[in-house]
């Protein structure tokens, strides 16, 4: 579940960079959330990838 959310957030972030369309840093917030989810998965001992 967390992996799916992290992947979706990363894809949205990349699309935001490619299209140069950001709404007051919204895409960067998505990146931070994706990184946090990735770290939570590592801390729990699950395979992060």
C-alpha atoms as a PDB file:
ATOM      1  CA  UNK A   1       0.000   0.000   0.000  1.00  0.00           C
ATOM      2  CA  UNK A   2       2.692   2.497   0.970  1.00  0.00           C
ATOM      3  CA  UNK A   3       4.726   1.569  -2.089  1.00  0.00           C
ATOM      4  CA  UNK A   4       1.801   2.287  -4.371  1.00  0.00           C
ATOM      5  CA  UNK A   5       1.189   5.685  -2.798  1.00  0.00           C
ATOM      6  CA  UNK A   6       4.898   6.547  -2.969  1.00  0.00           C
ATOM      7  CA  UNK A   7       5.086   5.589  -6.656  1.00  0.00           C
ATOM      8  CA  UNK A   8       1.993   7.626  -7.489  1.00  0.00           C
ATOM      9  CA  UNK A   9       3.374  10.662  -5.670  1.00  0.00           C
ATOM     10  CA  UNK A  10       6.740  10.350  -7.421  1.00  0.00           C
ATOM     11  CA  UNK A  11       5.058  10.101 -10.829  1.00  0.00           C
ATOM     12  CA  UNK A  12       2.985  13.205 -10.100  1.00  0.00           C
ATOM     13  CA  UNK A  13       6.131  15.030  -8.990  1.00  0.00           C
ATOM     14  CA  UNK A  14       7.980  14.128 -12.203  1.00  0.00           C
ATOM     15  CA  UNK A  15       4.985  15.196 -14.300  1.00  0.00           C
ATOM     16  CA  UNK A  16       4.932  18.514 -12.455  1.00  0.00           C
ATOM     17  CA  UNK A  17       8.607  19.128 -13.207  1.00  0.00           C
ATOM     18  CA  UNK A  18       8.271  18.117 -16.851  1.00  0.00           C
ATOM     19  CA  UNK A  19       5.232  20.302 -17.441  1.00  0.00           C
ATOM     20  CA  UNK A  20       6.647  23.181 -15.329  1.00  0.00           C
ATOM     21  CA  UNK A  21       3.229  23.543 -13.772  1.00  0.00           C
ATOM     22  CA  UNK A  22       3.388  23.811 -10.018  1.00  0.00           C
ATOM     23  CA  UNK A  23       0.811  25.263  -7.679  1.00  0.00           C
ATOM     24  CA  UNK A  24       2.824  27.063  -4.999  1.00  0.00           C
ATOM     25  CA  UNK A  25       5.169  24.191  -4.288  1.00  0.00           C
ATOM     26  CA  UNK A  26       2.484  21.481  -4.280  1.00  0.00           C
ATOM     27  CA  UNK A  27       4.692  19.134  -6.283  1.00  0.00           C
ATOM     28  CA  UNK A  28       7.556  19.518  -3.819  1.00  0.00           C
ATOM     29  CA  UNK A  29       5.212  18.651  -0.974  1.00  0.00           C
ATOM     30  CA  UNK A  30       4.313  15.467  -2.852  1.00  0.00           C
ATOM     31  CA  UNK A  31       8.015  14.645  -3.130  1.00  0.00           C
ATOM     32  CA  UNK A  32       8.523  15.111   0.607  1.00  0.00           C
ATOM     33  CA  UNK A  33       5.542  12.847   1.353  1.00  0.00           C
ATOM     34  CA  UNK A  34       6.916  10.178  -1.015  1.00  0.00           C
ATOM     35  CA  UNK A  35      10.320  10.294   0.695  1.00  0.00           C
ATOM     36  CA  UNK A  36       8.712  10.050   4.141  1.00  0.00           C
ATOM     37  CA  UNK A  37       6.698   7.005   3.056  1.00  0.00           C
ATOM     38  CA  UNK A  38       9.858   5.447   1.647  1.00  0.00           C
ATOM     39  CA  UNK A  39      11.701   6.003   4.942  1.00  0.00           C
ATOM     40  CA  UNK A  40       8.811   4.597   6.981  1.00  0.00           C
ATOM     41  CA  UNK A  41       8.945   1.460   4.854  1.00  0.00           C
ATOM     42  CA  UNK A  42      12.704   1.107   5.452  1.00  0.00           C
ATOM     43  CA  UNK A  43      12.271   1.630   9.218  1.00  0.00           C
ATOM     44  CA  UNK A  44       9.597  -1.079   9.350  1.00  0.00           C
ATOM     45  CA  UNK A  45      12.070  -3.467   7.734  1.00  0.00           C
ATOM     46  CA  UNK A  46      10.130  -4.016   4.545  1.00  0.00           C
ATOM     47  CA  UNK A  47      11.707  -4.037   1.112  1.00  0.00           C
ATOM     48  CA  UNK A  48      11.607  -0.368   0.022  1.00  0.00           C
ATOM     49  CA  UNK A  49      11.564  -1.140  -3.686  1.00  0.00           C
END
